[in-house]
Amino acid sequence: MGGMSAALVTLLRLEPEPNNYVKSSPTATNTNTNPITTNPSSPFLSLSKPSWIVRTESNVRKEIRKKPHPQCVVCHGTGRVDCHLCSGLGRTNFIHLAMLPKGEWPKWCRTCGGSGLSYCSRCLGTGEYRYIMGFHFMEQRDNPHPPHSPS
């Protein structure tokens, strides 16, 4: 994760420029009492837009996640399936529509947190094939004590 770092740079300049001053005395040709600026295009206080400086590192390879072998038969090795409550949409209102009607806000699914995904119940999110778990009962020929028959 050390491949990228970002910093927010904001510049603020508070000093007036040399050609930007206000005359407060009325002149003979201009009799109104409003102050006159000599350079109206440059204000006293100028703010620059915030900009992001992003530094990246070269030769950083993206990790490719290997799918397990054998894969889970339900999630096909991803470990995630569609949420059962929101059907993979991430919201619980108007799930029969692809887009919300105008003016409606989504009500996010509390089960998946709005992602639309949940862990696979077969592999528990590992993506690996899990064999059937259960009890292995002994067969009749392996049992030295046969069950009693009611007679």
C-alpha atoms as a PDB file:
ATOM      1  CA  MET A   1       0.000   0.000   0.000  1.00  0.00           C
ATOM      2  CA  GLY A   2       3.048   2.257   0.216  1.00  0.00           C
ATOM      3  CA  GLY A   3       2.883   2.884  -3.520  1.00  0.00           C
ATOM      4  CA  MET A   4       0.873   6.089  -3.325  1.00  0.00           C
ATOM      5  CA  SER A   5       0.880   9.087  -1.036  1.00  0.00           C
ATOM      6  CA  ALA A   6      -1.164  12.251  -1.343  1.00  0.00           C
ATOM      7  CA  ALA A   7      -1.053  15.687   0.198  1.00  0.00           C
ATOM      8  CA  LEU A   8      -3.525  18.558  -0.004  1.00  0.00           C
ATOM      9  CA  VAL A   9      -1.908  21.852  -0.810  1.00  0.00           C
ATOM     10  CA  THR A  10      -3.788  25.100  -0.179  1.00  0.00           C
ATOM     11  CA  LEU A  11      -2.153  28.450  -0.807  1.00  0.00           C
ATOM     12  CA  LEU A  12      -3.364  31.711   0.724  1.00  0.00           C
ATOM     13  CA  ARG A  13      -1.947  35.076  -0.211  1.00  0.00           C
ATOM     14  CA  LEU A  14      -2.965  37.968   2.041  1.00  0.00           C
ATOM     15  CA  GLU A  15      -0.718  40.822   0.914  1.00  0.00           C
ATOM     16  CA  PRO A  16      -2.079  43.278  -1.664  1.00  0.00           C
ATOM     17  CA  GLU A  17      -0.383  43.622  -4.996  1.00  0.00           C
ATOM     18  CA  PRO A  18       1.418  46.935  -5.679  1.00  0.00           C
ATOM     19  CA  ASN A  19      -1.069  48.105  -8.360  1.00  0.00           C
ATOM     20  CA  ASN A  20      -4.154  47.138  -6.382  1.00  0.00           C
ATOM     21  CA  TYR A  21      -5.104  49.985  -4.077  1.00  0.00           C
ATOM     22  CA  VAL A  22      -8.247  51.996  -3.394  1.00  0.00           C
ATOM     23  CA  LYS A  23      -8.655  55.729  -3.778  1.00  0.00           C
ATOM     24  CA  SER A  24     -11.215  56.998  -1.297  1.00  0.00           C
ATOM     25  CA  SER A  25     -11.305  60.660  -2.282  1.00  0.00           C
ATOM     26  CA  PRO A  26     -13.679  61.706  -5.054  1.00  0.00           C
ATOM     27  CA  THR A  27     -12.121  63.391  -8.060  1.00  0.00           C
ATOM     28  CA  ALA A  28     -13.340  66.409  -9.957  1.00  0.00           C
ATOM     29  CA  THR A  29     -14.593  64.311 -12.875  1.00  0.00           C
ATOM     30  CA  ASN A  30     -16.132  61.616 -10.657  1.00  0.00           C
ATOM     31  CA  THR A  31     -18.417  63.157  -8.018  1.00  0.00           C
ATOM     32  CA  ASN A  32     -19.853  59.943  -6.526  1.00  0.00           C
ATOM     33  CA  THR A  33     -18.605  58.790  -3.116  1.00  0.00           C
ATOM     34  CA  ASN A  34     -17.817  55.181  -4.108  1.00  0.00           C
ATOM     35  CA  PRO A  35     -14.144  54.248  -3.894  1.00  0.00           C
ATOM     36  CA  ILE A  36     -12.401  53.698  -7.202  1.00  0.00           C
ATOM     37  CA  THR A  37     -10.074  50.770  -7.745  1.00  0.00           C
ATOM     38  CA  THR A  38      -7.293  51.088 -10.226  1.00  0.00           C
ATOM     39  CA  ASN A  39      -7.134  47.372 -11.061  1.00  0.00           C
ATOM     40  CA  PRO A  40     -10.547  45.698 -10.556  1.00  0.00           C
ATOM     41  CA  SER A  41      -9.425  42.344 -12.021  1.00  0.00           C
ATOM     42  CA  SER A  42      -7.087  41.452  -9.115  1.00  0.00           C
ATOM     43  CA  PRO A  43      -8.669  41.380  -5.632  1.00  0.00           C
ATOM     44  CA  PHE A  44      -7.034  42.096  -2.265  1.00  0.00           C
ATOM     45  CA  LEU A  45      -7.400  38.499  -1.115  1.00  0.00           C
ATOM     46  CA  SER A  46      -6.667  35.794  -3.641  1.00  0.00           C
ATOM     47  CA  LEU A  47      -7.116  32.096  -3.024  1.00  0.00           C
ATOM     48  CA  SER A  48      -5.814  29.389  -5.274  1.00  0.00           C
ATOM     49  CA  LYS A  49      -7.732  26.176  -5.817  1.00  0.00           C
ATOM     50  CA  PRO A  50      -6.682  23.226  -3.654  1.00  0.00           C
ATOM     51  CA  SER A  51      -4.709  20.690  -5.628  1.00  0.00           C
ATOM     52  CA  TRP A  52      -3.709  17.103  -4.938  1.00  0.00           C
ATOM     53  CA  ILE A  53      -0.096  16.097  -5.331  1.00  0.00           C
ATOM     54  CA  VAL A  54       0.140  12.366  -5.941  1.00  0.00           C
ATOM     55  CA  ARG A  55       3.438  10.540  -5.909  1.00  0.00           C
ATOM     56  CA  THR A  56       3.551   7.069  -7.369  1.00  0.00           C
ATOM     57  CA  GLU A  57       6.282   4.493  -7.323  1.00  0.00           C
ATOM     58  CA  SER A  58       7.412   2.683 -10.421  1.00  0.00           C
ATOM     59  CA  ASN A  59       7.817  -1.071 -10.761  1.00  0.00           C
ATOM     60  CA  VAL A  60       5.051  -1.820  -8.257  1.00  0.00           C
ATOM     61  CA  ARG A  61       3.218  -4.919  -9.368  1.00  0.00           C
ATOM     62  CA  LYS A  62      -0.427  -5.579  -8.674  1.00  0.00           C
ATOM     63  CA  GLU A  63      -0.951  -8.743  -6.690  1.00  0.00           C
ATOM     64  CA  ILE A  64      -2.991 -11.294  -8.580  1.00  0.00           C
ATOM     65  CA  ARG A  65      -5.106 -13.420  -6.270  1.00  0.00           C
ATOM     66  CA  LYS A  66      -4.916 -17.071  -7.194  1.00  0.00           C
ATOM     67  CA  LYS A  67      -8.166 -18.966  -7.152  1.00  0.00           C
ATOM     68  CA  PRO A  68      -7.961 -22.091  -5.028  1.00  0.00           C
ATOM     69  CA  HIS A  69      -7.917 -25.518  -6.581  1.00  0.00           C
ATOM     70  CA  PRO A  70     -10.407 -27.207  -6.271  1.00  0.00           C
ATOM     71  CA  GLN A  71     -12.845 -24.309  -6.245  1.00  0.00           C
ATOM     72  CA  CYS A  72     -16.044 -24.043  -4.263  1.00  0.00           C
ATOM     73  CA  VAL A  73     -19.038 -25.207  -6.292  1.00  0.00           C
ATOM     74  CA  VAL A  74     -21.261 -22.341  -5.052  1.00  0.00           C
ATOM     75  CA  CYS A  75     -19.057 -19.213  -5.366  1.00  0.00           C
ATOM     76  CA  HIS A  76     -16.571 -20.606  -7.965  1.00  0.00           C
ATOM     77  CA  GLY A  77     -13.545 -19.687  -5.852  1.00  0.00           C
ATOM     78  CA  THR A  78     -14.357 -16.062  -5.074  1.00  0.00           C
ATOM     79  CA  GLY A  79     -15.650 -16.654  -1.549  1.00  0.00           C
ATOM     80  CA  ARG A  80     -18.473 -14.152  -2.057  1.00  0.00           C
ATOM     81  CA  VAL A  81     -22.059 -14.530  -3.270  1.00  0.00           C
ATOM     82  CA  ASP A  82     -24.961 -12.126  -3.772  1.00  0.00           C
ATOM     83  CA  CYS A  83     -26.616 -10.961  -0.565  1.00  0.00           C
ATOM     84  CA  HIS A  84     -29.804 -12.931   0.110  1.00  0.00           C
ATOM     85  CA  LEU A  85     -31.712  -9.904   1.454  1.00  0.00           C
ATOM     86  CA  CYS A  86     -31.065  -7.321  -1.295  1.00  0.00           C
ATOM     87  CA  SER A  87     -30.369  -9.763  -4.161  1.00  0.00           C
ATOM     88  CA  GLY A  88     -26.962  -8.205  -4.795  1.00  0.00           C
ATOM     89  CA  LEU A  89     -28.184  -4.609  -5.273  1.00  0.00           C
ATOM     90  CA  GLY A  90     -27.016  -3.252  -1.925  1.00  0.00           C
ATOM     91  CA  ARG A  91     -30.323  -1.501  -1.214  1.00  0.00           C
ATOM     92  CA  THR A  92     -33.611  -2.749   0.192  1.00  0.00           C
ATOM     93  CA  ASN A  93     -36.116  -0.390  -1.435  1.00  0.00           C
ATOM     94  CA  PHE A  94     -37.391  -0.939  -4.994  1.00  0.00           C
ATOM     95  CA  ILE A  95     -35.290  -4.075  -5.486  1.00  0.00           C
ATOM     96  CA  HIS A  96     -37.429  -5.062  -8.467  1.00  0.00           C
ATOM     97  CA  LEU A  97     -36.206  -1.943 -10.353  1.00  0.00           C
ATOM     98  CA  ALA A  98     -32.706  -1.496 -11.778  1.00  0.00           C
ATOM     99  CA  MET A  99     -32.735   2.256 -11.060  1.00  0.00           C
ATOM    100  CA  LEU A 100     -34.526   4.144  -8.322  1.00  0.00           C
ATOM    101  CA  PRO A 101     -37.444   6.404  -9.295  1.00  0.00           C
ATOM    102  CA  LYS A 102     -36.786  10.129  -9.425  1.00  0.00           C
ATOM    103  CA  GLY A 103     -36.531  11.679  -5.974  1.00  0.00           C
ATOM    104  CA  GLU A 104     -36.032   8.379  -4.117  1.00  0.00           C
ATOM    105  CA  TRP A 105     -32.964   7.774  -1.984  1.00  0.00           C
ATOM    106  CA  PRO A 106     -31.578   4.264  -1.432  1.00  0.00           C
ATOM    107  CA  LYS A 107     -32.117   2.464   1.841  1.00  0.00           C
ATOM    108  CA  TRP A 108     -28.865   0.544   2.219  1.00  0.00           C
ATOM    109  CA  CYS A 109     -28.971  -3.129   3.123  1.00  0.00           C
ATOM    110  CA  ARG A 110     -27.917  -3.774   6.718  1.00  0.00           C
ATOM    111  CA  THR A 111     -26.862  -7.354   6.029  1.00  0.00           C
ATOM    112  CA  CYS A 112     -24.191  -6.593   3.421  1.00  0.00           C
ATOM    113  CA  GLY A 113     -23.601  -2.923   4.275  1.00  0.00           C
ATOM    114  CA  GLY A 114     -24.558  -1.802   0.771  1.00  0.00           C
ATOM    115  CA  SER A 115     -21.941  -3.887  -1.049  1.00  0.00           C
ATOM    116  CA  GLY A 116     -24.445  -6.445  -2.328  1.00  0.00           C
ATOM    117  CA  LEU A 117     -22.125  -9.322  -1.379  1.00  0.00           C
ATOM    118  CA  SER A 118     -21.968 -11.741   1.522  1.00  0.00           C
ATOM    119  CA  TYR A 119     -19.696 -14.639   2.406  1.00  0.00           C
ATOM    120  CA  CYS A 120     -20.352 -17.975   0.766  1.00  0.00           C
ATOM    121  CA  SER A 121     -22.082 -20.336   3.195  1.00  0.00           C
ATOM    122  CA  ARG A 122     -20.513 -23.427   1.637  1.00  0.00           C
ATOM    123  CA  CYS A 123     -16.804 -22.477   1.870  1.00  0.00           C
ATOM    124  CA  LEU A 124     -17.200 -19.749   4.556  1.00  0.00           C
ATOM    125  CA  GLY A 125     -15.484 -17.185   2.309  1.00  0.00           C
ATOM    126  CA  THR A 126     -12.293 -19.143   1.582  1.00  0.00           C
ATOM    127  CA  GLY A 127     -13.212 -20.126  -1.978  1.00  0.00           C
ATOM    128  CA  GLU A 128     -11.895 -23.653  -1.442  1.00  0.00           C
ATOM    129  CA  TYR A 129     -13.944 -26.774  -1.997  1.00  0.00           C
ATOM    130  CA  ARG A 130     -15.124 -28.202   1.296  1.00  0.00           C
ATOM    131  CA  TYR A 131     -16.009 -31.826   1.486  1.00  0.00           C
ATOM    132  CA  ILE A 132     -19.282 -32.874   3.039  1.00  0.00           C
ATOM    133  CA  MET A 133     -19.020 -32.967   6.797  1.00  0.00           C
ATOM    134  CA  GLY A 134     -21.034 -35.337   8.896  1.00  0.00           C
ATOM    135  CA  PHE A 135     -20.940 -38.509  10.910  1.00  0.00           C
ATOM    136  CA  HIS A 136     -19.694 -41.749   9.407  1.00  0.00           C
ATOM    137  CA  PHE A 137     -21.734 -44.524  10.954  1.00  0.00           C
ATOM    138  CA  MET A 138     -20.315 -47.996  11.020  1.00  0.00           C
ATOM    139  CA  GLU A 139     -21.886 -50.423   8.660  1.00  0.00           C
ATOM    140  CA  GLN A 140     -23.653 -53.517   9.994  1.00  0.00           C
ATOM    141  CA  ARG A 141     -20.790 -55.886   9.163  1.00  0.00           C
ATOM    142  CA  ASP A 142     -18.309 -53.700  11.043  1.00  0.00           C
ATOM    143  CA  ASN A 143     -20.485 -53.567  14.163  1.00  0.00           C
ATOM    144  CA  PRO A 144     -19.590 -56.400  16.566  1.00  0.00           C
ATOM    145  CA  HIS A 145     -22.827 -55.890  18.540  1.00  0.00           C
ATOM    146  CA  PRO A 146     -25.890 -56.030  16.299  1.00  0.00           C
ATOM    147  CA  PRO A 147     -28.883 -54.029  17.447  1.00  0.00           C
ATOM    148  CA  HIS A 148     -31.437 -55.923  19.527  1.00  0.00           C
ATOM    149  CA  SER A 149     -34.568 -56.931  17.727  1.00  0.00           C
ATOM    150  CA  PRO A 150     -37.834 -56.796  19.638  1.00  0.00           C
ATOM    151  CA  SER A 151     -39.206 -60.336  19.852  1.00  0.00           C
END
